[in-house]
Amino acid sequence: MALATRTDRRPSTIRTLWDSSVGKKTVMAVSGLIMLGYLVVHMLGNLKIFFGPGEFNGYAAWLRTLGEPFLHHEWALWIVRVVLLAAVVLHALSAAQLSRRDIRARPVKYVHKRPRAGYATRTMRWGGIILALFIVWHILDLTTGTVHAGDFQHGQAYQNVVGTFSTWYGNTIYIVAMAAVGLHIQHGFWSAAQTLGAGNRNRDLLLKTTANVLALVLTLGFVAVPVAVMTGLVS
């Protein structure tokens, strides 16, 4: 009699981690912190626009030569883009799956209303959708020039930014998106800290304060650019 062969295999550690709620929350936390780090650097780079077109265009050109001669032209920039894309996809995918899992676990509405959550918490889902749509628009506007309002010129970052923020809709889209970024960071940083085990009774106040400060500084830092173009400070 032939022995039966086992066709089932134990899932890998990575698959087991990904299938668990804790694993998905960890992926969300790590990917969120990667994106947060990028936002801090990106904001600081954006503020160089206040030093004039030569400084800002020089910074944009430097980004393309980063890592040379060890790396080829624009390789470092593409590595950053790939890492960011992976972080965005993993963040959105884990968030969507956790949301569906939460809905399936509670198909019937609560008889008694739960305590009202904070505004940032309640807007995390639609805020994420706004940011996803903004990222697409932002790339098509200032990276490829596909939807740029003015005469898009490759390598002329200063002029392209001024062109975008010389339109009412460019300012509106950007400012609304940056407000969503601030709310997302305010709740997301706190959640990431809890997921990764950084939170405790002694550090809670510090973490909440850090989340609020990060959200405020990043929002104001990003919004400063379109406001400066609108008011003529940057032209």
Protein backbone atom coordinates (compact mmCIF):
# COMPACT_ATOMS: atom_id res chain seq x y z
CA MET A 1 0.00 0.00 0.00
CA ALA A 2 1.48 3.32 -1.08
CA LEU A 3 2.12 5.84 1.64
CA ALA A 4 0.07 9.00 1.39
CA THR A 5 2.17 12.04 0.58
CA ARG A 6 1.67 15.29 2.43
CA THR A 7 0.95 18.16 0.11
CA ASP A 8 0.25 20.75 2.78
CA ARG A 9 3.10 22.93 3.88
CA ARG A 10 3.44 25.08 6.92
CA PRO A 11 3.15 28.77 6.00
CA SER A 12 6.34 30.79 6.22
CA THR A 13 7.03 33.07 9.15
CA ILE A 14 6.55 36.14 6.95
CA ARG A 15 3.18 34.85 5.69
CA THR A 16 2.06 34.02 9.23
CA LEU A 17 3.06 37.51 10.39
CA TRP A 18 1.30 39.17 7.47
CA ASP A 19 -1.91 37.20 8.04
CA SER A 20 -2.12 38.32 11.67
CA SER A 21 -3.61 41.63 12.79
CA VAL A 22 -0.47 42.37 14.80
CA GLY A 23 1.65 41.80 11.70
CA LYS A 24 -0.46 44.12 9.56
CA LYS A 25 -0.36 46.81 12.25
CA THR A 26 3.42 46.46 12.43
CA VAL A 27 3.69 46.83 8.65
CA MET A 28 1.49 49.93 8.86
CA ALA A 29 3.64 51.39 11.63
CA VAL A 30 7.00 50.79 9.93
CA SER A 31 5.83 51.93 6.48
CA GLY A 32 4.22 54.99 8.06
CA LEU A 33 7.46 55.96 9.79
CA ILE A 34 9.36 55.56 6.51
CA MET A 35 6.93 57.95 4.84
CA LEU A 36 7.14 60.33 7.80
CA GLY A 37 10.93 60.47 7.50
CA TYR A 38 10.58 61.27 3.81
CA LEU A 39 8.06 64.02 4.53
CA VAL A 40 10.41 65.72 7.00
CA VAL A 41 13.27 65.72 4.45
CA HIS A 42 10.92 66.76 1.62
CA MET A 43 9.56 69.69 3.62
CA LEU A 44 13.06 70.94 4.44
CA GLY A 45 13.97 70.70 0.77
CA ASN A 46 10.82 72.60 -0.24
CA LEU A 47 11.70 75.47 2.07
CA LYS A 48 14.85 76.12 0.03
CA ILE A 49 12.54 77.86 -2.45
CA PHE A 50 12.72 80.92 -0.16
CA PHE A 51 16.41 81.30 -1.08
CA GLY A 52 15.64 81.91 -4.74
CA PRO A 53 15.53 80.00 -8.04
CA GLY A 54 19.27 79.31 -8.17
CA GLU A 55 19.29 77.64 -4.75
CA PHE A 56 16.09 75.66 -5.34
CA ASN A 57 16.96 74.50 -8.86
CA GLY A 58 20.45 73.59 -7.64
CA TYR A 59 18.91 71.45 -4.90
CA ALA A 60 16.65 69.72 -7.44
CA ALA A 61 19.66 69.02 -9.68
CA TRP A 62 21.68 67.72 -6.71
CA LEU A 63 18.97 65.13 -5.97
CA ARG A 64 19.62 63.59 -9.39
CA THR A 65 23.36 63.33 -8.76
CA LEU A 66 23.04 61.99 -5.21
CA GLY A 67 25.39 59.04 -4.66
CA GLU A 68 27.59 59.71 -7.68
CA PRO A 69 30.04 58.43 -8.75
CA PHE A 70 29.30 55.25 -6.77
CA LEU A 71 25.73 55.26 -8.07
CA HIS A 72 24.70 56.07 -11.62
CA HIS A 73 22.88 59.32 -12.42
CA GLU A 74 19.43 59.40 -10.73
CA TRP A 75 19.84 55.87 -9.26
CA ALA A 76 19.61 57.13 -5.67
CA LEU A 77 16.47 59.09 -6.57
CA TRP A 78 14.88 55.99 -8.09
CA ILE A 79 15.84 53.88 -5.06
CA VAL A 80 14.05 56.39 -2.84
CA ARG A 81 11.02 56.32 -5.15
CA VAL A 82 10.85 52.51 -5.14
CA VAL A 83 11.14 52.35 -1.33
CA LEU A 84 8.44 55.01 -0.97
CA LEU A 85 6.15 53.25 -3.43
CA ALA A 86 6.55 49.99 -1.52
CA ALA A 87 5.83 51.80 1.76
CA VAL A 88 2.70 53.46 0.34
CA VAL A 89 1.36 50.20 -1.14
CA LEU A 90 2.03 48.17 2.02
CA HIS A 91 0.56 50.91 4.21
CA ALA A 92 -2.62 51.18 2.14
CA LEU A 93 -3.02 47.41 1.72
CA SER A 94 -2.60 46.62 5.41
CA ALA A 95 -4.95 49.48 6.35
CA ALA A 96 -7.65 48.23 3.94
CA GLN A 97 -7.37 44.64 5.14
CA LEU A 98 -7.47 45.64 8.80
CA SER A 99 -10.53 47.77 8.12
CA ARG A 100 -12.32 44.88 6.39
CA ARG A 101 -11.36 42.53 9.21
CA ASP A 102 -12.73 44.99 11.75
CA ILE A 103 -16.04 45.28 9.85
CA ARG A 104 -16.41 41.49 9.58
CA ALA A 105 -15.75 41.10 13.28
CA ARG A 106 -18.59 43.52 14.12
CA PRO A 107 -21.33 43.08 11.49
CA VAL A 108 -24.00 44.41 13.85
CA LYS A 109 -23.93 48.01 15.00
CA TYR A 110 -23.32 48.67 18.66
CA VAL A 111 -26.47 49.00 20.76
CA HIS A 112 -24.78 51.70 22.80
CA LYS A 113 -22.69 54.32 21.08
CA ARG A 114 -18.98 54.09 21.74
CA PRO A 115 -17.13 57.16 23.04
CA ARG A 116 -16.65 59.69 20.27
CA ALA A 117 -13.19 59.33 18.74
CA GLY A 118 -10.90 62.25 18.02
CA TYR A 119 -11.30 64.11 14.73
CA ALA A 120 -7.99 62.81 13.36
CA THR A 121 -8.94 59.22 14.24
CA ARG A 122 -12.33 59.47 12.56
CA THR A 123 -10.84 60.93 9.38
CA MET A 124 -7.95 58.48 8.91
CA ARG A 125 -9.71 56.47 6.20
CA TRP A 126 -10.92 59.26 3.98
CA GLY A 127 -7.73 61.17 4.71
CA GLY A 128 -5.75 58.24 3.32
CA ILE A 129 -7.84 58.30 0.14
CA ILE A 130 -7.29 62.04 -0.26
CA LEU A 131 -3.53 61.56 0.12
CA ALA A 132 -3.46 58.71 -2.39
CA LEU A 133 -5.24 60.87 -4.98
CA PHE A 134 -2.96 63.80 -4.16
CA ILE A 135 0.19 61.75 -4.68
CA VAL A 136 -1.00 60.83 -8.19
CA TRP A 137 -1.82 64.47 -8.99
CA HIS A 138 1.46 65.73 -7.48
CA ILE A 139 3.54 63.35 -9.62
CA LEU A 140 1.62 64.22 -12.79
CA ASP A 141 1.97 67.92 -11.97
CA LEU A 142 5.56 68.47 -10.83
CA THR A 143 7.39 65.28 -11.87
CA THR A 144 6.06 64.47 -15.33
CA GLY A 145 4.37 67.81 -16.08
CA THR A 146 1.34 66.01 -17.55
CA VAL A 147 -1.28 68.14 -15.74
CA HIS A 148 0.91 71.17 -15.05
CA ALA A 149 -0.95 74.45 -15.42
CA GLY A 150 1.83 76.43 -17.06
CA ASP A 151 4.81 75.86 -19.33
CA PHE A 152 6.43 72.87 -17.59
CA GLN A 153 10.21 72.77 -17.95
CA HIS A 154 12.30 69.79 -16.86
CA GLY A 155 15.07 70.86 -14.52
CA GLN A 156 13.37 74.17 -13.66
CA ALA A 157 11.82 73.16 -10.33
CA TYR A 158 11.43 76.73 -9.05
CA GLN A 159 9.49 77.93 -12.08
CA ASN A 160 7.33 74.80 -12.11
CA VAL A 161 6.38 75.19 -8.45
CA VAL A 162 5.52 78.87 -8.94
CA GLY A 163 3.42 77.90 -11.98
CA THR A 164 1.44 75.34 -9.98
CA PHE A 165 0.72 77.68 -7.07
CA SER A 166 -0.24 80.56 -9.35
CA THR A 167 -3.57 78.80 -9.91
CA TRP A 168 -6.45 78.69 -7.41
CA TYR A 169 -7.02 74.96 -7.90
CA GLY A 170 -3.33 74.11 -7.46
CA ASN A 171 -3.34 75.92 -4.11
CA THR A 172 -6.66 74.38 -3.06
CA ILE A 173 -5.60 70.80 -3.85
CA TYR A 174 -2.25 71.21 -2.13
CA ILE A 175 -3.51 72.92 1.04
CA VAL A 176 -6.37 70.44 1.51
CA ALA A 177 -3.94 67.55 1.04
CA MET A 178 -1.47 69.03 3.54
CA ALA A 179 -4.26 69.44 6.11
CA ALA A 180 -5.02 65.74 5.59
CA VAL A 181 -1.30 64.97 6.04
CA GLY A 182 -1.29 66.78 9.37
CA LEU A 183 -4.33 64.92 10.68
CA HIS A 184 -2.93 61.62 9.42
CA ILE A 185 0.40 62.19 11.16
CA GLN A 186 -1.23 63.35 14.39
CA HIS A 187 -3.01 60.03 14.84
CA GLY A 188 -0.64 57.82 12.83
CA PHE A 189 2.52 58.65 14.78
CA TRP A 190 0.76 57.90 18.05
CA SER A 191 -0.64 54.62 16.71
CA ALA A 192 2.75 53.56 15.32
CA ALA A 193 4.41 54.21 18.69
CA GLN A 194 1.82 52.06 20.45
CA THR A 195 2.13 49.26 17.89
CA LEU A 196 5.92 49.17 18.13
CA GLY A 197 5.83 49.11 21.92
CA ALA A 198 7.22 52.61 22.49
CA GLY A 199 4.22 53.81 24.44
CA ASN A 200 3.79 53.49 28.18
CA ARG A 201 2.32 55.54 31.00
CA ASN A 202 5.51 57.55 31.45
CA ARG A 203 5.99 58.36 27.76
CA ASP A 204 2.41 58.87 26.63
CA LEU A 205 2.42 62.65 27.13
CA LEU A 206 5.75 63.00 25.29
CA LEU A 207 4.54 60.87 22.37
CA LYS A 208 1.27 62.78 22.06
CA THR A 209 3.11 66.09 22.18
CA THR A 210 5.60 64.87 19.56
CA ALA A 211 2.74 63.76 17.30
CA ASN A 212 1.03 67.15 17.62
CA VAL A 213 4.25 69.09 17.01
CA LEU A 214 5.20 66.98 13.99
CA ALA A 215 1.74 67.38 12.49
CA LEU A 216 1.75 71.15 13.02
CA VAL A 217 5.31 71.76 11.80
CA LEU A 218 4.90 69.63 8.67
CA THR A 219 1.55 71.15 7.78
CA LEU A 220 2.81 74.72 8.22
CA GLY A 221 6.10 73.93 6.46
CA PHE A 222 4.40 72.52 3.38
CA VAL A 223 1.62 75.14 3.27
CA ALA A 224 4.18 77.96 3.55
CA VAL A 225 5.21 77.45 -0.10
CA PRO A 226 1.82 77.99 -1.81
CA VAL A 227 1.03 80.82 0.61
CA ALA A 228 4.33 82.49 -0.30
CA VAL A 229 3.53 82.24 -4.02
CA MET A 230 -0.02 83.54 -3.48
CA THR A 231 1.22 86.55 -1.52
CA GLY A 232 4.05 87.32 -3.95
CA LEU A 233 6.82 86.54 -1.48
CA VAL A 234 7.99 83.88 -3.94
CA SER A 235 7.54 84.74 -7.61
